[in-house]
Amino acid sequence: MRLRVKDMDIASGGILVAVVNQKDAEKLDLHHDDRIRLKKGKRQLTANINISESEKAVPEGKVGLFEEVLDKLKVEHDDTIDVDLTAKPKSVSYIRDKLHGKELGYKELYRIVDDIVHDRLTAIEKTYFVAAGFAEGFTIKEIVSLTKAMVDTGIKLNFRSKAYDKHSIGGVAGNRTTMLVVPICAAAGLKFPKTSSRSITSPAGTADTMETLCKVSLNAKRMKEVIHKTGACIIWGGAINLAPADDKIIHVESPLSIDAEGQLLASVMAKKASVGADRVLIDIPKGKSAKVKTQQNAVHLKEMFELLGKEMDMEVEVIITDGNQPIGKGIGPFLEARDVMWILENDKQGPADLKDKSLMMSGILLGMAGHKNGYVMAKKILESGKALKKMKEIIKAQGAVKKKCVLCKLHHDVKARKSGLINEINNGAISKVARIAGAPSDKEAGVYLHKKAGQRVKKGDVLYTIYSKSKFKLGMAKKLDKEMKPYSI
């Protein structure tokens, strides 16, 4: 059937959606959530069907296309295209098999991942795949296959020399170690192709923080140029086609607040394999308000990463670190970047915990490269100014920002309601306050911690300061602070 295009002026956020009139649907025997094949010349794709019951939304003889379909098919309003019925992807039956507890092989997992990457699955079908992985779990064989499928459905970088990488599984506010570890290790001669994520539920991802200093949305060609010039990069992984299924799966997991172990392992290792890293350091923060809450769970995850590393022929070191409170003092893109630059500049205002953790991690990576006393070497590189010099090289190569961030003028000091010992700072609560204040969309917004867990305070001492660009957001953050009480004294 040939139908004329109607531009719906709606974006689905990823899923390919087409809308047909009820009368045309009856002619093609189409029902809600069926698939149709859309073709224009040599270009074709499969879209999920919605049915319009009125002529006003989509008249008979037309097909309404969401923005993602218009872009991929390269058609415009009133163009004529061919519309045909097509079957559901084979991957749907594989998802059903997983729900029934069947172990999937590489072939099946590749088909699922490929259909996720190319938006051939509905939101419900993707959710069932994530739920199956969470409820049924994945065997080590399945995790290896899933990791390889995630790598094989994107591009993969290869370097002639050994490449290094690091990753934190998250859940701790601040913790901006990447922006210190990379320049320290790169200054020592290690090749460090670092791709990082933007925030989904946190006040800042490494990419958001680095973006206050330079461009992070580089394509693969520009990434290679930066690495060739400086030996390293710190860019947003979403800008290049490395393990593209990962972000799509994470977006399904996020509203459900689930983090299936197999998908977590595959997600991390696929990103590392995609950039050609063969020596990787994994950081597992453990704490009451972190992602991993017990030592038992942390040790289990450590063993799984090490096992997967062997299966993937990658040298993997895993550390379990303190996740009982934020790392560093700034929470929010600009505030976290300021912490990093203070440390690189050997400024006394730089937070000691972030510095010490970054030196420890750098030392381990330098040890993996064959240096006998990595920590001492890392400390010398930092204190000599070589790490700062390397960071400036990376910033210049990626494209330094012209307009520098400045701290928000609107702020509110949160004071201790009583005297005593700070025994806990809730990562989730303090992160929520920073997000309500405007981070990460407002890069200068967030929270700056004046006091950390383990310190004694007097009633009236400033615990932290909330920064925001608007009175409304600041008021909401103040209200949330009173409700959540991030500090326990």
Protein backbone atom coordinates (compact mmCIF):
# COMPACT_ATOMS: atom_id res chain seq x y z
CA MET A 1 0.00 0.00 0.00
CA ARG A 2 1.26 3.49 -0.91
CA LEU A 3 0.54 6.22 1.63
CA ARG A 4 1.47 9.87 1.95
CA VAL A 5 3.58 10.98 4.90
CA LYS A 6 2.21 13.14 7.69
CA ASP A 7 4.84 14.71 9.94
CA MET A 8 3.51 14.13 13.48
CA ASP A 9 5.93 16.62 15.08
CA ILE A 10 6.43 14.12 17.90
CA ALA A 11 9.56 12.28 19.01
CA SER A 12 9.33 8.93 20.81
CA GLY A 13 12.76 9.17 22.38
CA GLY A 14 14.12 6.28 20.31
CA ILE A 15 11.42 3.79 19.32
CA LEU A 16 10.43 3.92 15.63
CA VAL A 17 6.70 4.74 15.55
CA ALA A 18 4.23 5.11 12.67
CA VAL A 19 0.51 5.92 12.89
CA VAL A 20 -2.11 4.76 10.37
CA ASN A 21 -5.78 5.51 10.12
CA GLN A 22 -8.16 2.82 11.42
CA LYS A 23 -9.59 2.20 7.91
CA ASP A 24 -6.12 1.64 6.41
CA ALA A 25 -5.27 -0.59 9.38
CA GLU A 26 -8.29 -2.77 8.62
CA LYS A 27 -7.23 -3.11 4.97
CA LEU A 28 -3.78 -4.36 6.06
CA ASP A 29 -5.17 -6.34 9.03
CA LEU A 30 -3.00 -4.26 11.37
CA HIS A 31 -3.41 -4.10 15.15
CA HIS A 32 -1.79 -2.02 17.87
CA ASP A 33 1.91 -2.92 18.36
CA ASP A 34 2.12 -4.75 15.03
CA ARG A 35 5.07 -3.87 12.81
CA ILE A 36 5.02 -2.32 9.37
CA ARG A 37 7.80 -2.02 6.82
CA LEU A 38 8.24 1.49 5.44
CA LYS A 39 10.11 1.91 2.17
CA LYS A 40 11.26 4.95 0.20
CA GLY A 41 13.46 4.08 -2.75
CA LYS A 42 16.32 1.91 -1.47
CA ARG A 43 15.82 3.01 2.14
CA GLN A 44 13.56 0.94 4.37
CA LEU A 45 12.94 0.30 8.05
CA THR A 46 10.53 -1.44 10.38
CA ALA A 47 8.33 0.67 12.64
CA ASN A 48 5.90 -0.06 15.46
CA ILE A 49 2.30 0.74 14.61
CA ASN A 50 -0.19 2.98 16.40
CA ILE A 51 -3.74 3.30 15.07
CA SER A 52 -5.63 6.58 14.74
CA GLU A 53 -9.37 6.36 15.27
CA SER A 54 -10.02 9.82 13.81
CA GLU A 55 -9.38 11.57 10.51
CA LYS A 56 -8.07 14.59 12.44
CA ALA A 57 -5.00 12.79 13.83
CA VAL A 58 -4.12 10.80 10.69
CA PRO A 59 -6.51 10.78 7.72
CA GLU A 60 -7.16 7.74 5.56
CA GLY A 61 -4.47 7.45 2.89
CA LYS A 62 -1.75 8.89 5.10
CA VAL A 63 0.82 7.49 7.53
CA GLY A 64 1.92 9.61 10.48
CA LEU A 65 5.63 9.35 11.20
CA PHE A 66 7.45 10.27 14.40
CA GLU A 67 10.68 12.27 14.14
CA GLU A 68 12.99 9.26 14.47
CA VAL A 69 11.34 7.58 11.46
CA LEU A 70 11.40 10.75 9.36
CA ASP A 71 15.13 11.17 10.06
CA LYS A 72 16.13 7.57 9.36
CA LEU A 73 13.98 7.19 6.26
CA LYS A 74 14.96 10.69 5.08
CA VAL A 75 11.41 11.65 4.09
CA GLU A 76 9.35 14.79 4.53
CA HIS A 77 5.71 15.77 4.97
CA ASP A 78 3.57 14.71 1.97
CA ASP A 79 6.19 12.36 0.48
CA THR A 80 4.78 9.06 -0.77
CA ILE A 81 6.12 5.80 0.73
CA ASP A 82 5.32 2.07 0.53
CA VAL A 83 3.79 0.47 3.63
CA ASP A 84 3.66 -3.31 4.14
CA LEU A 85 2.95 -5.65 7.04
CA THR A 86 5.95 -7.45 8.53
CA ALA A 87 6.45 -10.01 11.29
CA LYS A 88 7.83 -9.36 14.76
CA PRO A 89 11.63 -9.64 15.03
CA LYS A 90 12.94 -13.13 15.80
CA SER A 91 14.55 -11.63 18.92
CA VAL A 92 11.11 -11.41 20.58
CA SER A 93 10.95 -15.22 20.70
CA TYR A 94 14.46 -15.28 22.23
CA ILE A 95 13.33 -12.84 24.94
CA ARG A 96 10.41 -15.20 25.61
CA ASP A 97 12.86 -18.09 25.92
CA LYS A 98 14.86 -16.13 28.49
CA LEU A 99 11.72 -15.39 30.48
CA HIS A 100 11.17 -19.17 30.61
CA GLY A 101 14.67 -19.67 32.01
CA LYS A 102 16.45 -20.88 28.87
CA GLU A 103 20.17 -20.12 28.49
CA LEU A 104 20.77 -17.98 25.39
CA GLY A 105 23.78 -18.28 23.10
CA TYR A 106 25.73 -15.61 21.24
CA LYS A 107 23.47 -15.83 18.16
CA GLU A 108 20.30 -15.17 20.16
CA LEU A 109 21.82 -12.40 22.28
CA TYR A 110 23.34 -10.73 19.22
CA ARG A 111 19.90 -10.61 17.56
CA ILE A 112 18.36 -9.07 20.68
CA VAL A 113 21.12 -6.50 21.07
CA ASP A 114 21.11 -5.64 17.35
CA ASP A 115 17.35 -5.07 17.44
CA ILE A 116 17.74 -2.86 20.52
CA VAL A 117 20.45 -0.82 18.78
CA HIS A 118 18.33 -0.32 15.67
CA ASP A 119 15.12 0.43 17.64
CA ARG A 120 13.24 -2.59 16.26
CA LEU A 121 11.85 -3.54 19.68
CA THR A 122 9.03 -1.81 21.52
CA ALA A 123 9.57 -0.33 24.99
CA ILE A 124 7.62 -3.28 26.45
CA GLU A 125 9.80 -5.87 24.66
CA LYS A 126 13.02 -4.17 25.83
CA THR A 127 11.64 -4.02 29.35
CA TYR A 128 10.90 -7.74 29.31
CA PHE A 129 14.47 -8.45 28.24
CA VAL A 130 15.85 -6.34 31.08
CA ALA A 131 13.38 -7.91 33.54
CA ALA A 132 14.31 -11.42 32.38
CA GLY A 133 17.98 -10.69 32.99
CA PHE A 134 17.16 -9.33 36.43
CA ALA A 135 14.80 -12.12 37.49
CA GLU A 136 16.46 -15.14 35.85
CA GLY A 137 20.07 -13.89 35.91
CA PHE A 138 22.72 -14.61 33.29
CA THR A 139 25.28 -17.41 33.30
CA ILE A 140 28.94 -16.44 32.80
CA LYS A 141 28.66 -17.84 29.27
CA GLU A 142 25.67 -15.58 28.59
CA ILE A 143 27.46 -12.55 30.07
CA VAL A 144 30.44 -13.15 27.78
CA SER A 145 28.11 -13.51 24.77
CA LEU A 146 26.14 -10.41 25.77
CA THR A 147 29.36 -8.40 26.19
CA LYS A 148 30.66 -9.50 22.78
CA ALA A 149 27.28 -8.76 21.16
CA MET A 150 27.30 -5.24 22.63
CA VAL A 151 30.80 -4.69 21.23
CA ASP A 152 30.05 -6.24 17.83
CA THR A 153 26.96 -4.06 17.23
CA GLY A 154 29.07 -0.89 17.43
CA ILE A 155 32.49 0.26 16.29
CA LYS A 156 35.67 -0.94 17.98
CA LEU A 157 38.90 1.00 18.31
CA ASN A 158 42.28 -0.71 18.07
CA PHE A 159 45.66 0.62 19.16
CA ARG A 160 49.08 -0.77 18.34
CA SER A 161 50.22 -0.42 21.95
CA LYS A 162 48.55 -1.49 25.20
CA ALA A 163 45.56 0.66 26.14
CA TYR A 164 44.37 1.32 29.70
CA ASP A 165 40.98 2.15 31.16
CA LYS A 166 39.19 2.50 34.49
CA HIS A 167 35.60 2.43 35.62
CA SER A 168 33.62 3.03 38.78
CA ILE A 169 30.27 1.29 39.04
CA GLY A 170 28.89 4.49 40.60
CA GLY A 171 26.46 5.27 43.38
CA VAL A 172 28.78 7.73 45.16
CA ALA A 173 28.39 11.49 44.78
CA GLY A 174 31.47 13.34 43.48
CA ASN A 175 34.09 10.62 42.98
CA ARG A 176 35.56 12.39 39.95
CA THR A 177 38.72 10.25 39.90
CA THR A 178 38.78 9.82 36.10
CA MET A 179 39.76 13.45 35.55
CA LEU A 180 42.83 12.94 37.75
CA VAL A 181 43.78 9.35 36.91
CA VAL A 182 43.78 9.93 33.13
CA PRO A 183 46.20 12.90 33.05
CA ILE A 184 48.48 11.29 35.68
CA CYS A 185 48.72 8.01 33.74
CA ALA A 186 48.93 9.72 30.34
CA ALA A 187 51.81 11.87 31.66
CA ALA A 188 53.58 8.60 32.50
CA GLY A 189 53.16 7.42 28.90
CA LEU A 190 50.09 5.17 29.23
CA LYS A 191 47.58 5.25 26.35
CA PHE A 192 44.23 6.08 27.93
CA PRO A 193 41.17 6.26 25.59
CA LYS A 194 38.56 7.18 28.21
CA THR A 195 34.89 7.36 27.32
CA SER A 196 32.56 8.47 30.08
CA SER A 197 28.84 8.84 30.62
CA ARG A 198 26.54 11.75 31.20
CA SER A 199 24.28 11.86 34.22
CA ILE A 200 21.04 9.92 34.20
CA THR A 201 20.06 10.12 37.89
CA SER A 202 23.17 11.73 39.43
CA PRO A 203 24.08 15.46 39.71
CA ALA A 204 26.94 14.95 37.23
CA GLY A 205 28.61 12.33 35.10
CA THR A 206 32.28 12.61 34.21
CA ALA A 207 31.28 13.83 30.72
CA ASP A 208 29.12 16.60 32.24
CA THR A 209 31.99 17.68 34.48
CA MET A 210 34.64 17.57 31.75
CA GLU A 211 32.32 19.60 29.53
CA THR A 212 32.77 22.64 31.80
CA LEU A 213 36.41 22.64 30.60
CA CYS A 214 36.27 21.43 26.99
CA LYS A 215 34.23 19.69 24.31
CA VAL A 216 33.33 16.07 25.01
CA SER A 217 31.05 15.24 22.05
CA LEU A 218 33.76 14.01 19.70
CA ASN A 219 33.29 11.48 16.92
CA ALA A 220 35.58 8.45 16.55
CA LYS A 221 37.90 10.22 14.11
CA ARG A 222 38.39 13.23 16.39
CA MET A 223 38.83 10.91 19.38
CA LYS A 224 41.69 9.10 17.62
CA GLU A 225 43.29 12.45 16.69
CA VAL A 226 43.21 13.61 20.32
CA ILE A 227 44.70 10.31 21.54
CA HIS A 228 47.41 10.44 18.86
CA LYS A 229 48.30 13.97 19.95
CA THR A 230 48.08 13.63 23.76
CA GLY A 231 47.97 9.89 24.49
CA ALA A 232 44.56 10.18 26.14
CA CYS A 233 41.06 11.64 26.01
CA ILE A 234 38.07 12.10 28.31
CA ILE A 235 34.98 12.22 26.11
CA TRP A 236 31.27 11.39 26.16
CA GLY A 237 30.79 7.79 25.06
CA GLY A 238 27.33 8.54 23.68
CA ALA A 239 28.80 10.69 20.90
CA ILE A 240 30.40 7.69 19.21
CA ASN A 241 28.99 4.32 18.24
CA LEU A 242 30.75 2.28 20.95
CA ALA A 243 28.53 -0.43 22.51
CA PRO A 244 25.43 1.60 21.53
CA ALA A 245 23.00 -0.86 23.12
CA ASP A 246 24.31 0.03 26.56
CA ASP A 247 22.66 3.45 26.91
CA LYS A 248 19.38 2.09 25.55
CA ILE A 249 19.36 -0.72 28.15
CA ILE A 250 20.30 1.71 30.94
CA HIS A 251 17.34 3.93 30.02
CA VAL A 252 15.04 0.94 30.52
CA GLU A 253 16.63 0.04 33.86
CA SER A 254 16.56 3.57 35.25
CA PRO A 255 12.78 4.02 35.83
CA LEU A 256 12.61 0.51 37.27
CA SER A 257 15.53 1.24 39.64
CA ILE A 258 17.07 -2.15 38.84
CA ASP A 259 20.64 -3.00 37.93
CA ALA A 260 20.83 -6.63 36.81
CA GLU A 261 24.26 -8.03 37.59
CA GLY A 262 24.81 -9.64 34.19
CA GLN A 263 23.85 -6.48 32.33
CA LEU A 264 26.03 -4.37 34.64
CA LEU A 265 29.04 -6.59 33.98
CA ALA A 266 28.42 -6.68 30.23
CA SER A 267 27.85 -2.93 30.12
CA VAL A 268 31.15 -2.08 31.79
CA MET A 269 33.28 -4.63 29.95
CA ALA A 270 31.72 -3.90 26.54
CA LYS A 271 32.68 -0.23 26.86
CA LYS A 272 36.23 -1.17 27.77
CA ALA A 273 36.56 -3.70 24.94
CA SER A 274 35.10 -1.21 22.44
CA VAL A 275 37.87 1.34 23.06
CA GLY A 276 40.51 -1.37 22.69
CA ALA A 277 41.49 -1.41 26.38
CA ASP A 278 43.23 -4.59 27.46
CA ARG A 279 44.22 -3.49 30.99
CA VAL A 280 41.35 -2.25 33.14
CA LEU A 281 40.87 -1.08 36.74
CA ILE A 282 37.37 -1.44 38.21
CA ASP A 283 36.30 0.54 41.30
CA ILE A 284 33.48 -0.91 43.42
CA PRO A 285 32.43 1.63 46.08
CA LYS A 286 30.72 -0.11 49.00
CA GLY A 287 28.51 1.63 51.52
CA LYS A 288 25.06 1.94 53.05
CA SER A 289 23.90 4.49 50.46
CA ALA A 290 26.06 3.26 47.55
CA LYS A 291 24.98 0.82 44.81
CA VAL A 292 26.81 -2.06 46.52
CA LYS A 293 25.86 -2.13 50.18
CA THR A 294 27.64 -5.16 51.68
CA GLN A 295 31.15 -6.62 51.65
CA GLN A 296 29.75 -9.96 50.52
CA ASN A 297 28.10 -8.42 47.46
CA ALA A 298 31.22 -6.39 46.68
CA VAL A 299 33.48 -9.46 46.82
CA HIS A 300 31.07 -11.43 44.62
CA LEU A 301 31.00 -8.64 42.02
CA LYS A 302 34.80 -8.39 42.16
CA GLU A 303 35.13 -12.10 41.42
CA MET A 304 32.66 -11.83 38.53
CA PHE A 305 34.59 -8.95 36.94
CA GLU A 306 37.85 -10.88 37.25
CA LEU A 307 36.27 -14.00 35.74
CA LEU A 308 34.76 -12.03 32.87
CA GLY A 309 38.12 -10.33 32.29
CA LYS A 310 39.77 -13.73 31.81
CA GLU A 311 37.01 -14.84 29.43
CA MET A 312 37.46 -11.61 27.43
CA ASP A 313 41.27 -11.92 27.45
CA MET A 314 41.62 -8.65 29.38
CA GLU A 315 43.79 -7.97 32.42
CA VAL A 316 41.37 -6.73 35.07
CA GLU A 317 42.17 -5.39 38.55
CA VAL A 318 39.24 -4.75 40.91
CA ILE A 319 39.29 -2.65 44.08
CA ILE A 320 36.59 -2.30 46.75
CA THR A 321 36.54 1.26 48.11
CA ASP A 322 34.73 3.29 50.76
CA GLY A 323 31.33 4.38 49.46
CA ASN A 324 29.86 5.57 52.74
CA GLN A 325 29.97 9.24 51.75
CA PRO A 326 30.71 11.48 48.73
CA ILE A 327 34.30 11.63 47.42
CA GLY A 328 35.53 15.19 47.10
CA LYS A 329 33.64 18.31 48.17
CA GLY A 330 31.91 19.54 45.01
CA ILE A 331 28.72 17.88 43.76
CA GLY A 332 27.63 19.18 40.35
CA PRO A 333 29.61 19.68 37.09
CA PHE A 334 31.42 22.97 37.79
CA LEU A 335 31.98 22.28 41.50
CA GLU A 336 33.46 18.85 40.72
CA ALA A 337 35.67 20.27 37.96
CA ARG A 338 36.92 22.92 40.39
CA ASP A 339 37.91 20.18 42.86
CA VAL A 340 39.86 18.41 40.11
CA MET A 341 41.68 21.52 38.93
CA TRP A 342 42.58 22.50 42.51
CA ILE A 343 44.23 19.10 42.96
CA LEU A 344 46.05 19.28 39.64
CA GLU A 345 47.27 22.79 40.54
CA ASN A 346 48.43 21.53 43.97
CA ASP A 347 46.09 24.05 45.59
CA LYS A 348 45.44 23.43 49.30
CA GLN A 349 41.70 23.77 48.65
CA GLY A 350 41.76 20.48 46.73
CA PRO A 351 39.92 17.73 48.66
CA ALA A 352 42.36 15.24 50.21
CA ASP A 353 40.08 12.18 49.86
CA LEU A 354 39.68 12.66 46.09
CA LYS A 355 43.41 13.23 45.71
CA ASP A 356 44.37 10.17 47.76
CA LYS A 357 41.92 7.86 45.97
CA SER A 358 43.06 9.09 42.55
CA LEU A 359 46.74 8.57 43.43
CA MET A 360 45.97 5.07 44.70
CA MET A 361 44.13 4.17 41.49
CA SER A 362 46.81 5.75 39.30
CA GLY A 363 49.43 3.77 41.21
CA ILE A 364 47.65 0.49 40.51
CA LEU A 365 47.38 1.27 36.78
CA LEU A 366 51.05 2.25 36.63
CA GLY A 367 51.83 -1.03 38.38
CA MET A 368 49.85 -2.88 35.71
CA ALA A 369 52.11 -1.14 33.19
CA GLY A 370 55.19 -2.58 34.91
CA HIS A 371 56.30 0.31 37.12
CA LYS A 372 57.53 -0.96 40.50
CA ASN A 373 56.23 1.77 42.84
CA GLY A 374 53.24 3.18 41.01
CA TYR A 375 51.88 5.27 43.89
CA VAL A 376 55.15 7.13 44.41
CA MET A 377 55.44 7.69 40.66
CA ALA A 378 51.87 8.99 40.45
CA LYS A 379 52.45 11.37 43.35
CA LYS A 380 55.60 12.78 41.74
CA ILE A 381 53.79 13.31 38.44
CA LEU A 382 50.98 15.15 40.21
CA GLU A 383 53.12 17.30 42.50
CA SER A 384 55.61 18.19 39.72
CA GLY A 385 52.86 19.73 37.61
CA LYS A 386 53.22 17.15 34.81
CA ALA A 387 49.63 15.94 35.31
CA LEU A 388 48.34 19.52 35.08
CA LYS A 389 50.32 20.06 31.90
CA LYS A 390 48.89 16.85 30.40
CA MET A 391 45.34 17.83 31.39
CA LYS A 392 45.78 21.20 29.65
CA GLU A 393 47.01 19.35 26.53
CA ILE A 394 43.91 17.14 26.56
CA ILE A 395 41.59 20.12 27.10
CA LYS A 396 43.22 22.05 24.22
CA ALA A 397 43.14 19.03 21.89
CA GLN A 398 39.44 18.34 22.59
CA GLY A 399 38.56 22.04 22.27
CA ALA A 400 38.64 24.27 25.34
CA VAL A 401 35.40 26.07 26.24
CA LYS A 402 35.38 29.76 25.40
CA LYS A 403 32.98 30.80 28.15
CA LYS A 404 34.14 29.63 31.55
CA CYS A 405 31.66 28.62 34.23
CA VAL A 406 31.25 30.78 37.33
CA LEU A 407 29.68 29.86 40.65
CA CYS A 408 25.96 30.62 41.04
CA LYS A 409 25.31 33.80 42.99
CA LEU A 410 22.21 32.35 44.63
CA HIS A 411 23.17 30.06 47.49
CA HIS A 412 22.02 28.75 50.85
CA ASP A 413 24.12 27.47 53.76
CA VAL A 414 22.79 24.35 55.48
CA LYS A 415 23.83 24.43 59.13
CA ALA A 416 24.15 21.74 61.79
CA ARG A 417 20.99 21.52 63.89
CA LYS A 418 22.96 20.13 66.84
CA SER A 419 26.53 19.48 67.98
CA GLY A 420 28.11 16.07 67.56
CA LEU A 421 29.95 13.71 65.20
CA ILE A 422 28.95 13.39 61.55
CA ASN A 423 28.63 9.63 61.16
CA GLU A 424 27.06 9.48 57.68
CA ILE A 425 26.32 11.50 54.55
CA ASN A 426 23.63 9.84 52.47
CA ASN A 427 24.83 9.74 48.84
CA GLY A 428 21.35 9.49 47.36
CA ALA A 429 19.91 12.30 49.47
CA ILE A 430 22.74 14.79 48.88
CA SER A 431 22.67 13.97 45.17
CA LYS A 432 18.93 14.60 45.04
CA VAL A 433 19.37 18.02 46.67
CA ALA A 434 22.05 18.92 44.10
CA ARG A 435 19.80 17.81 41.21
CA ILE A 436 16.80 19.77 42.50
CA ALA A 437 19.10 22.81 42.73
CA GLY A 438 19.66 22.44 38.97
CA ALA A 439 22.61 20.09 38.41
CA PRO A 440 23.61 18.82 35.88
CA SER A 441 21.55 20.86 33.37
CA ASP A 442 22.69 24.01 35.17
CA LYS A 443 26.40 23.24 35.25
CA GLU A 444 27.20 25.83 37.92
CA ALA A 445 24.51 24.51 40.28
CA GLY A 446 24.99 21.87 42.96
CA VAL A 447 26.29 21.39 46.47
CA TYR A 448 29.65 22.12 48.11
CA LEU A 449 30.46 20.10 51.24
CA HIS A 450 32.24 21.98 54.03
CA LYS A 451 32.14 19.04 56.46
CA LYS A 452 32.59 15.30 55.87
CA ALA A 453 31.75 12.15 57.83
CA GLY A 454 34.04 11.60 60.79
CA GLN A 455 34.29 15.31 61.66
CA ARG A 456 32.89 16.90 64.81
CA VAL A 457 30.65 19.92 64.43
CA LYS A 458 28.99 22.49 66.66
CA LYS A 459 25.40 23.60 66.36
CA GLY A 460 25.27 26.30 63.70
CA ASP A 461 28.37 25.15 61.76
CA VAL A 462 27.90 25.20 57.97
CA LEU A 463 27.65 21.61 56.72
CA TYR A 464 27.25 22.39 53.03
CA THR A 465 26.19 25.14 50.66
CA ILE A 466 23.52 24.75 47.97
CA TYR A 467 24.11 26.74 44.76
CA SER A 468 21.37 27.42 42.21
CA LYS A 469 20.64 29.71 39.25
CA SER A 470 16.99 30.28 40.22
CA LYS A 471 15.13 31.22 43.38
CA PHE A 472 12.52 28.56 42.65
CA LYS A 473 15.04 25.72 42.35
CA LEU A 474 16.92 26.93 45.42
CA GLY A 475 13.68 27.01 47.39
CA MET A 476 12.83 23.47 46.28
CA ALA A 477 16.32 22.25 47.24
CA LYS A 478 16.02 23.85 50.68
CA LYS A 479 12.64 22.17 51.18
CA LEU A 480 14.00 18.79 50.07
CA ASP A 481 16.99 19.15 52.40
CA LYS A 482 14.67 19.53 55.39
CA GLU A 483 12.74 16.42 54.34
CA MET A 484 15.67 14.13 53.46
CA LYS A 485 18.30 15.32 55.98
CA PRO A 486 21.37 14.03 54.10
CA TYR A 487 23.65 14.44 57.14
CA SER A 488 23.41 12.17 60.16
CA ILE A 489 24.94 13.71 63.35
